[in-house]
Amino acid sequence: MLEAKSVNLFYGASQALKDVSVSASPGKITCILGRNGTGKTSLIRAIAGQAAARGGSIMFDGKDITKLPADKRARAGIALVPQGREIFSSLTVEENLKTGFAGLARKERNIPDEIYELFPVLKSMLHRRGGDLSGGQQQQLAIGRALVMRPKVLLLDEPTEGIQPSIIKDIERVIAMLRDRGTMSIILVEQYFDFARRLADNFIILNRGRVIHSGDGAALQDEKARTMVMV
């Protein structure tokens, strides 16, 4: 269980998050919705430890990790798939996957076969450079790299951005499959409303750094929610 309560975040004098709360449970997908600039990525970065929260708390497995650095959060089981993928273009697919070893004990430093089952294209391109892959293939690589870490919490920041529809369907299938195993908590930042609506068990909608609406996935079937995302 991960729970962020009343998180505030500043960039200099500018406040990006204002008393934002969100939680994620194993076997559930929590979606963070809103337009560009509303604080979605800032919230993900605060949870991952890449941006320091000023006020509020972040609890994970009953422990306060608010001040824990990003590398220790990763070792504790929090994996981030960042917006823009951020793969290493000069490294091969296999080498990119192995960068996920950093937070693992030596005995766990292997690439699980299931990653190639989830994303068969990665196995066929193991020795291709990351920069030679298409955008969709790079996104699958970024998710695969995060899964190498055997995360308890998977943070996905705009995984459909710039991706062709056929790959979006593949990514949706994988996210749903990971959720249905019941062992992983998933937080999904998304602008593509219908994608989020199909996957969300719970959601929050941000506007100007504040939560303006929240609820369970069924509430996203209401067109009012779509309108609020577009506010």
C-alpha atoms as a PDB file:
ATOM      1  CA  MET A   1       0.000   0.000   0.000  1.00  0.00           C
ATOM      2  CA  LEU A   2       1.277   3.432  -0.958  1.00  0.00           C
ATOM      3  CA  GLU A   3      -0.378   6.553   0.369  1.00  0.00           C
ATOM      4  CA  ALA A   4       0.534  10.178  -0.242  1.00  0.00           C
ATOM      5  CA  LYS A   5      -1.248  12.640   2.035  1.00  0.00           C
ATOM      6  CA  SER A   6      -1.542  16.414   1.624  1.00  0.00           C
ATOM      7  CA  VAL A   7       1.610  16.644  -0.492  1.00  0.00           C
ATOM      8  CA  ASN A   8       2.911  20.108  -1.351  1.00  0.00           C
ATOM      9  CA  LEU A   9       5.654  20.627  -3.911  1.00  0.00           C
ATOM     10  CA  PHE A  10       7.444  23.777  -5.019  1.00  0.00           C
ATOM     11  CA  TYR A  11       9.781  24.655  -7.864  1.00  0.00           C
ATOM     12  CA  GLY A  12      11.410  27.779  -6.499  1.00  0.00           C
ATOM     13  CA  ALA A  13       8.597  30.139  -5.550  1.00  0.00           C
ATOM     14  CA  SER A  14       6.068  28.343  -7.775  1.00  0.00           C
ATOM     15  CA  GLN A  15       3.821  25.799  -6.059  1.00  0.00           C
ATOM     16  CA  ALA A  16       3.191  22.763  -8.283  1.00  0.00           C
ATOM     17  CA  LEU A  17       1.154  20.656  -5.824  1.00  0.00           C
ATOM     18  CA  LYS A  18      -1.257  21.909  -3.176  1.00  0.00           C
ATOM     19  CA  ASP A  19      -2.320  19.407  -0.510  1.00  0.00           C
ATOM     20  CA  VAL A  20      -2.606  16.522  -2.970  1.00  0.00           C
ATOM     21  CA  SER A  21      -3.509  13.063  -1.675  1.00  0.00           C
ATOM     22  CA  VAL A  22      -3.506   9.784  -3.594  1.00  0.00           C
ATOM     23  CA  SER A  23      -3.248   6.103  -2.711  1.00  0.00           C
ATOM     24  CA  ALA A  24      -2.476   2.862  -4.518  1.00  0.00           C
ATOM     25  CA  SER A  25      -3.223  -0.701  -3.435  1.00  0.00           C
ATOM     26  CA  PRO A  26      -1.991  -4.067  -4.738  1.00  0.00           C
ATOM     27  CA  GLY A  27      -4.131  -5.340  -7.585  1.00  0.00           C
ATOM     28  CA  LYS A  28      -5.498  -1.862  -8.345  1.00  0.00           C
ATOM     29  CA  ILE A  29      -4.771   0.875 -10.874  1.00  0.00           C
ATOM     30  CA  THR A  30      -4.989   4.467  -9.689  1.00  0.00           C
ATOM     31  CA  CYS A  31      -5.146   7.004 -12.520  1.00  0.00           C
ATOM     32  CA  ILE A  32      -3.975  10.599 -12.253  1.00  0.00           C
ATOM     33  CA  LEU A  33      -5.747  12.726 -14.839  1.00  0.00           C
ATOM     34  CA  GLY A  34      -5.608  16.321 -15.992  1.00  0.00           C
ATOM     35  CA  ARG A  35      -4.295  18.579 -18.722  1.00  0.00           C
ATOM     36  CA  ASN A  36      -0.631  19.458 -19.230  1.00  0.00           C
ATOM     37  CA  GLY A  37       0.779  21.597 -16.458  1.00  0.00           C
ATOM     38  CA  THR A  38      -1.720  20.533 -13.787  1.00  0.00           C
ATOM     39  CA  GLY A  39       0.847  18.730 -11.604  1.00  0.00           C
ATOM     40  CA  LYS A  40       0.533  15.104 -12.733  1.00  0.00           C
ATOM     41  CA  THR A  41       4.225  14.526 -13.411  1.00  0.00           C
ATOM     42  CA  SER A  42       5.174  16.528 -10.315  1.00  0.00           C
ATOM     43  CA  LEU A  43       3.117  14.132  -8.199  1.00  0.00           C
ATOM     44  CA  ILE A  44       4.750  11.091  -9.784  1.00  0.00           C
ATOM     45  CA  ARG A  45       8.206  12.616  -9.240  1.00  0.00           C
ATOM     46  CA  ALA A  46       7.367  13.304  -5.591  1.00  0.00           C
ATOM     47  CA  ILE A  47       6.307   9.680  -5.084  1.00  0.00           C
ATOM     48  CA  ALA A  48       9.447   8.385  -6.826  1.00  0.00           C
ATOM     49  CA  GLY A  49      11.684  10.698  -4.800  1.00  0.00           C
ATOM     50  CA  GLN A  50      12.877  12.727  -7.767  1.00  0.00           C
ATOM     51  CA  ALA A  51      11.342  15.903  -6.332  1.00  0.00           C
ATOM     52  CA  ALA A  52      11.240  16.747  -2.634  1.00  0.00           C
ATOM     53  CA  ALA A  53       7.811  17.226  -1.104  1.00  0.00           C
ATOM     54  CA  ARG A  54       7.528  20.246   1.167  1.00  0.00           C
ATOM     55  CA  GLY A  55       4.829  19.265   3.605  1.00  0.00           C
ATOM     56  CA  GLY A  56       2.583  16.244   3.692  1.00  0.00           C
ATOM     57  CA  SER A  57       3.728  12.631   3.863  1.00  0.00           C
ATOM     58  CA  ILE A  58       4.318   9.608   1.652  1.00  0.00           C
ATOM     59  CA  MET A  59       3.859   6.206   3.291  1.00  0.00           C
ATOM     60  CA  PHE A  60       4.833   2.883   1.731  1.00  0.00           C
ATOM     61  CA  ASP A  61       4.295  -0.506   3.364  1.00  0.00           C
ATOM     62  CA  GLY A  62       3.651   1.249   6.670  1.00  0.00           C
ATOM     63  CA  LYS A  63       6.896   3.271   6.564  1.00  0.00           C
ATOM     64  CA  ASP A  64       7.324   7.006   6.072  1.00  0.00           C
ATOM     65  CA  ILE A  65       9.440   7.486   2.930  1.00  0.00           C
ATOM     66  CA  THR A  66       8.822  11.227   2.532  1.00  0.00           C
ATOM     67  CA  LYS A  67      12.509  12.057   2.967  1.00  0.00           C
ATOM     68  CA  LEU A  68      13.920   8.844   1.488  1.00  0.00           C
ATOM     69  CA  PRO A  69      16.117   9.431  -1.607  1.00  0.00           C
ATOM     70  CA  ALA A  70      15.053   8.087  -4.983  1.00  0.00           C
ATOM     71  CA  ASP A  71      17.578   5.236  -5.104  1.00  0.00           C
ATOM     72  CA  LYS A  72      16.397   3.851  -1.767  1.00  0.00           C
ATOM     73  CA  ARG A  73      12.763   4.077  -2.867  1.00  0.00           C
ATOM     74  CA  ALA A  74      13.708   2.089  -5.967  1.00  0.00           C
ATOM     75  CA  ARG A  75      15.378  -0.566  -3.818  1.00  0.00           C
ATOM     76  CA  ALA A  76      12.242  -0.674  -1.641  1.00  0.00           C
ATOM     77  CA  GLY A  77      10.187  -1.572  -4.719  1.00  0.00           C
ATOM     78  CA  ILE A  78       9.013   1.662  -6.384  1.00  0.00           C
ATOM     79  CA  ALA A  79       9.744   1.708 -10.138  1.00  0.00           C
ATOM     80  CA  LEU A  80       9.145   4.636 -12.475  1.00  0.00           C
ATOM     81  CA  VAL A  81       8.508   4.585 -16.225  1.00  0.00           C
ATOM     82  CA  PRO A  82       9.127   8.282 -16.954  1.00  0.00           C
ATOM     83  CA  GLN A  83       7.434  10.496 -19.461  1.00  0.00           C
ATOM     84  CA  GLY A  84       9.455  10.437 -22.665  1.00  0.00           C
ATOM     85  CA  ARG A  85      10.758   6.936 -21.834  1.00  0.00           C
ATOM     86  CA  GLU A  86      14.361   8.092 -21.177  1.00  0.00           C
ATOM     87  CA  ILE A  87      16.001   4.964 -22.515  1.00  0.00           C
ATOM     88  CA  PHE A  88      19.723   4.973 -23.324  1.00  0.00           C
ATOM     89  CA  SER A  89      19.835   5.359 -27.095  1.00  0.00           C
ATOM     90  CA  SER A  90      23.437   4.169 -27.502  1.00  0.00           C
ATOM     91  CA  LEU A  91      22.918   1.004 -25.424  1.00  0.00           C
ATOM     92  CA  THR A  92      21.382  -2.190 -26.791  1.00  0.00           C
ATOM     93  CA  VAL A  93      17.947  -3.368 -25.703  1.00  0.00           C
ATOM     94  CA  GLU A  94      19.573  -5.956 -23.450  1.00  0.00           C
ATOM     95  CA  GLU A  95      21.892  -3.368 -21.899  1.00  0.00           C
ATOM     96  CA  ASN A  96      18.953  -1.030 -21.294  1.00  0.00           C
ATOM     97  CA  LEU A  97      17.080  -3.809 -19.508  1.00  0.00           C
ATOM     98  CA  LYS A  98      20.138  -4.530 -17.367  1.00  0.00           C
ATOM     99  CA  THR A  99      20.185  -0.951 -16.073  1.00  0.00           C
ATOM    100  CA  GLY A 100      17.237  -2.101 -13.966  1.00  0.00           C
ATOM    101  CA  PHE A 101      19.670  -4.265 -11.975  1.00  0.00           C
ATOM    102  CA  ALA A 102      20.965  -1.269  -9.999  1.00  0.00           C
ATOM    103  CA  GLY A 103      18.416  -1.632  -7.208  1.00  0.00           C
ATOM    104  CA  LEU A 104      18.586  -5.426  -6.988  1.00  0.00           C
ATOM    105  CA  ALA A 105      20.588  -7.810  -4.864  1.00  0.00           C
ATOM    106  CA  ARG A 106      23.274  -9.621  -6.880  1.00  0.00           C
ATOM    107  CA  LYS A 107      21.391 -12.933  -6.842  1.00  0.00           C
ATOM    108  CA  GLU A 108      18.350 -11.250  -8.435  1.00  0.00           C
ATOM    109  CA  ARG A 109      20.254  -9.640 -11.302  1.00  0.00           C
ATOM    110  CA  ASN A 110      18.680 -11.420 -14.216  1.00  0.00           C
ATOM    111  CA  ILE A 111      16.063 -10.523 -16.801  1.00  0.00           C
ATOM    112  CA  PRO A 112      12.899 -12.515 -16.083  1.00  0.00           C
ATOM    113  CA  ASP A 113      11.584 -14.513 -19.034  1.00  0.00           C
ATOM    114  CA  GLU A 114       8.148 -13.018 -18.452  1.00  0.00           C
ATOM    115  CA  ILE A 115       9.363  -9.669 -19.796  1.00  0.00           C
ATOM    116  CA  TYR A 116       9.933 -11.272 -23.190  1.00  0.00           C
ATOM    117  CA  GLU A 117       6.537 -12.961 -22.900  1.00  0.00           C
ATOM    118  CA  LEU A 118       4.884  -9.611 -22.221  1.00  0.00           C
ATOM    119  CA  PHE A 119       6.876  -7.825 -24.942  1.00  0.00           C
ATOM    120  CA  PRO A 120       8.069 -10.381 -27.548  1.00  0.00           C
ATOM    121  CA  VAL A 121       9.552  -7.623 -29.724  1.00  0.00           C
ATOM    122  CA  LEU A 122      12.236  -7.003 -27.108  1.00  0.00           C
ATOM    123  CA  LYS A 123      13.584 -10.539 -27.386  1.00  0.00           C
ATOM    124  CA  SER A 124      13.852 -10.244 -31.148  1.00  0.00           C
ATOM    125  CA  MET A 125      15.749  -6.950 -30.831  1.00  0.00           C
ATOM    126  CA  LEU A 126      18.048  -7.669 -27.886  1.00  0.00           C
ATOM    127  CA  HIS A 127      21.169  -6.511 -29.728  1.00  0.00           C
ATOM    128  CA  ARG A 128      19.630  -3.483 -31.445  1.00  0.00           C
ATOM    129  CA  ARG A 129      20.471  -0.071 -30.060  1.00  0.00           C
ATOM    130  CA  GLY A 130      17.688   1.597 -28.122  1.00  0.00           C
ATOM    131  CA  GLY A 131      17.866   4.634 -30.369  1.00  0.00           C
ATOM    132  CA  ASP A 132      17.031   2.498 -33.407  1.00  0.00           C
ATOM    133  CA  LEU A 133      13.686   1.379 -31.983  1.00  0.00           C
ATOM    134  CA  SER A 134      10.361   3.003 -32.827  1.00  0.00           C
ATOM    135  CA  GLY A 135       8.600   5.096 -30.200  1.00  0.00           C
ATOM    136  CA  GLY A 136       6.265   2.247 -29.337  1.00  0.00           C
ATOM    137  CA  GLN A 137       9.115  -0.236 -29.035  1.00  0.00           C
ATOM    138  CA  GLN A 138      11.021   2.191 -26.810  1.00  0.00           C
ATOM    139  CA  GLN A 139       7.974   2.485 -24.545  1.00  0.00           C
ATOM    140  CA  GLN A 140       7.793  -1.288 -24.228  1.00  0.00           C
ATOM    141  CA  LEU A 141      11.511  -1.279 -23.409  1.00  0.00           C
ATOM    142  CA  ALA A 142      11.014   1.381 -20.725  1.00  0.00           C
ATOM    143  CA  ILE A 143       8.243  -0.651 -19.085  1.00  0.00           C
ATOM    144  CA  GLY A 144      10.317  -3.832 -19.367  1.00  0.00           C
ATOM    145  CA  ARG A 145      13.269  -2.086 -17.707  1.00  0.00           C
ATOM    146  CA  ALA A 146      11.027  -1.095 -14.775  1.00  0.00           C
ATOM    147  CA  LEU A 147       9.694  -4.648 -14.459  1.00  0.00           C
ATOM    148  CA  VAL A 148      13.253  -6.006 -14.232  1.00  0.00           C
ATOM    149  CA  MET A 149      13.283  -4.350 -10.790  1.00  0.00           C
ATOM    150  CA  ARG A 150      10.425  -6.618  -9.569  1.00  0.00           C
ATOM    151  CA  PRO A 151       8.509  -3.585  -8.306  1.00  0.00           C
ATOM    152  CA  LYS A 152       5.761  -3.534  -5.713  1.00  0.00           C
ATOM    153  CA  VAL A 153       4.630  -0.158  -7.072  1.00  0.00           C
ATOM    154  CA  LEU A 154       4.779   0.710 -10.775  1.00  0.00           C
ATOM    155  CA  LEU A 155       4.559   4.401 -11.718  1.00  0.00           C
ATOM    156  CA  LEU A 156       3.681   5.042 -15.372  1.00  0.00           C
ATOM    157  CA  ASP A 157       3.905   8.617 -16.664  1.00  0.00           C
ATOM    158  CA  GLU A 158       2.002   9.098 -19.950  1.00  0.00           C
ATOM    159  CA  PRO A 159       2.763   5.653 -21.448  1.00  0.00           C
ATOM    160  CA  THR A 160       0.574   6.331 -24.507  1.00  0.00           C
ATOM    161  CA  GLU A 161       2.254   9.601 -25.484  1.00  0.00           C
ATOM    162  CA  GLY A 162       3.309   9.530 -29.136  1.00  0.00           C
ATOM    163  CA  ILE A 163       2.528   5.808 -29.492  1.00  0.00           C
ATOM    164  CA  GLN A 164       0.730   4.179 -32.419  1.00  0.00           C
ATOM    165  CA  PRO A 165      -2.723   2.702 -31.635  1.00  0.00           C
ATOM    166  CA  SER A 166      -1.692  -0.943 -32.059  1.00  0.00           C
ATOM    167  CA  ILE A 167       1.065  -0.569 -29.449  1.00  0.00           C
ATOM    168  CA  ILE A 168      -1.302   1.308 -27.108  1.00  0.00           C
ATOM    169  CA  LYS A 169      -3.515  -1.789 -27.143  1.00  0.00           C
ATOM    170  CA  ASP A 170      -0.521  -3.992 -26.289  1.00  0.00           C
ATOM    171  CA  ILE A 171       0.483  -1.711 -23.420  1.00  0.00           C
ATOM    172  CA  GLU A 172      -3.085  -1.623 -22.112  1.00  0.00           C
ATOM    173  CA  ARG A 173      -3.179  -5.430 -22.145  1.00  0.00           C
ATOM    174  CA  VAL A 174       0.089  -5.659 -20.210  1.00  0.00           C
ATOM    175  CA  ILE A 175      -0.964  -3.099 -17.592  1.00  0.00           C
ATOM    176  CA  ALA A 176      -4.249  -4.914 -17.050  1.00  0.00           C
ATOM    177  CA  MET A 177      -2.430  -8.240 -16.774  1.00  0.00           C
ATOM    178  CA  LEU A 178      -0.025  -6.864 -14.165  1.00  0.00           C
ATOM    179  CA  ARG A 179      -2.956  -5.444 -12.191  1.00  0.00           C
ATOM    180  CA  ASP A 180      -4.885  -8.697 -12.306  1.00  0.00           C
ATOM    181  CA  ARG A 181      -2.039 -10.638 -10.685  1.00  0.00           C
ATOM    182  CA  GLY A 182      -2.928  -8.788  -7.493  1.00  0.00           C
ATOM    183  CA  THR A 183       0.621  -8.252  -6.239  1.00  0.00           C
ATOM    184  CA  MET A 184       1.500  -4.861  -7.728  1.00  0.00           C
ATOM    185  CA  SER A 185       0.121  -1.374  -7.111  1.00  0.00           C
ATOM    186  CA  ILE A 186      -0.032   0.725 -10.292  1.00  0.00           C
ATOM    187  CA  ILE A 187      -0.255   4.501 -10.580  1.00  0.00           C
ATOM    188  CA  LEU A 188      -0.961   5.674 -14.121  1.00  0.00           C
ATOM    189  CA  VAL A 189      -0.623   9.284 -15.283  1.00  0.00           C
ATOM    190  CA  GLU A 190      -2.616   9.729 -18.457  1.00  0.00           C
ATOM    191  CA  GLN A 191      -4.145  12.349 -20.757  1.00  0.00           C
ATOM    192  CA  TYR A 192      -5.810   9.822 -23.072  1.00  0.00           C
ATOM    193  CA  PHE A 193      -9.127   9.716 -21.233  1.00  0.00           C
ATOM    194  CA  ASP A 194     -10.591   6.562 -22.773  1.00  0.00           C
ATOM    195  CA  PHE A 195      -7.399   4.593 -22.068  1.00  0.00           C
ATOM    196  CA  ALA A 196      -7.549   5.655 -18.408  1.00  0.00           C
ATOM    197  CA  ARG A 197     -11.263   4.979 -18.189  1.00  0.00           C
ATOM    198  CA  ARG A 198     -10.822   1.388 -19.348  1.00  0.00           C
ATOM    199  CA  LEU A 199      -8.099   0.695 -16.784  1.00  0.00           C
ATOM    200  CA  ALA A 200      -8.860   2.794 -13.704  1.00  0.00           C
ATOM    201  CA  ASP A 201      -9.988   1.233 -10.451  1.00  0.00           C
ATOM    202  CA  ASN A 202      -9.607   4.627  -8.764  1.00  0.00           C
ATOM    203  CA  PHE A 203      -8.695   8.092  -9.993  1.00  0.00           C
ATOM    204  CA  ILE A 204      -7.946  11.680  -9.121  1.00  0.00           C
ATOM    205  CA  ILE A 205      -8.236  14.677 -11.437  1.00  0.00           C
ATOM    206  CA  LEU A 206      -5.780  17.533 -10.968  1.00  0.00           C
ATOM    207  CA  ASN A 207      -6.184  21.157 -11.965  1.00  0.00           C
ATOM    208  CA  ARG A 208      -3.628  23.827 -11.080  1.00  0.00           C
ATOM    209  CA  GLY A 209      -1.945  21.491  -8.645  1.00  0.00           C
ATOM    210  CA  ARG A 210      -5.081  20.610  -6.694  1.00  0.00           C
ATOM    211  CA  VAL A 211      -7.371  17.572  -6.666  1.00  0.00           C
ATOM    212  CA  ILE A 212     -10.695  18.722  -8.093  1.00  0.00           C
ATOM    213  CA  HIS A 213     -12.369  15.301  -8.320  1.00  0.00           C
ATOM    214  CA  SER A 214     -11.712  11.731  -7.236  1.00  0.00           C
ATOM    215  CA  GLY A 215     -13.537   8.437  -7.061  1.00  0.00           C
ATOM    216  CA  ASP A 216     -13.640   4.835  -8.225  1.00  0.00           C
ATOM    217  CA  GLY A 217     -13.351   3.745 -11.837  1.00  0.00           C
ATOM    218  CA  ALA A 218     -17.114   3.620 -12.336  1.00  0.00           C
ATOM    219  CA  ALA A 219     -17.300   7.391 -11.863  1.00  0.00           C
ATOM    220  CA  LEU A 220     -15.177   7.857 -14.991  1.00  0.00           C
ATOM    221  CA  GLN A 221     -18.049   6.542 -17.067  1.00  0.00           C
ATOM    222  CA  ASP A 222     -19.788   9.857 -16.349  1.00  0.00           C
ATOM    223  CA  GLU A 223     -19.091  12.353 -19.132  1.00  0.00           C
ATOM    224  CA  LYS A 224     -18.812  14.996 -16.415  1.00  0.00           C
ATOM    225  CA  ALA A 225     -15.449  13.488 -15.529  1.00  0.00           C
ATOM    226  CA  ARG A 226     -14.219  13.848 -19.118  1.00  0.00           C
ATOM    227  CA  THR A 227     -15.256  17.506 -19.028  1.00  0.00           C
ATOM    228  CA  MET A 228     -13.330  18.055 -15.808  1.00  0.00           C
ATOM    229  CA  VAL A 229     -10.181  16.591 -17.337  1.00  0.00           C
ATOM    230  CA  MET A 230     -10.495  19.134 -20.119  1.00  0.00           C
ATOM    231  CA  VAL A 231     -11.005  22.087 -17.729  1.00  0.00           C
END
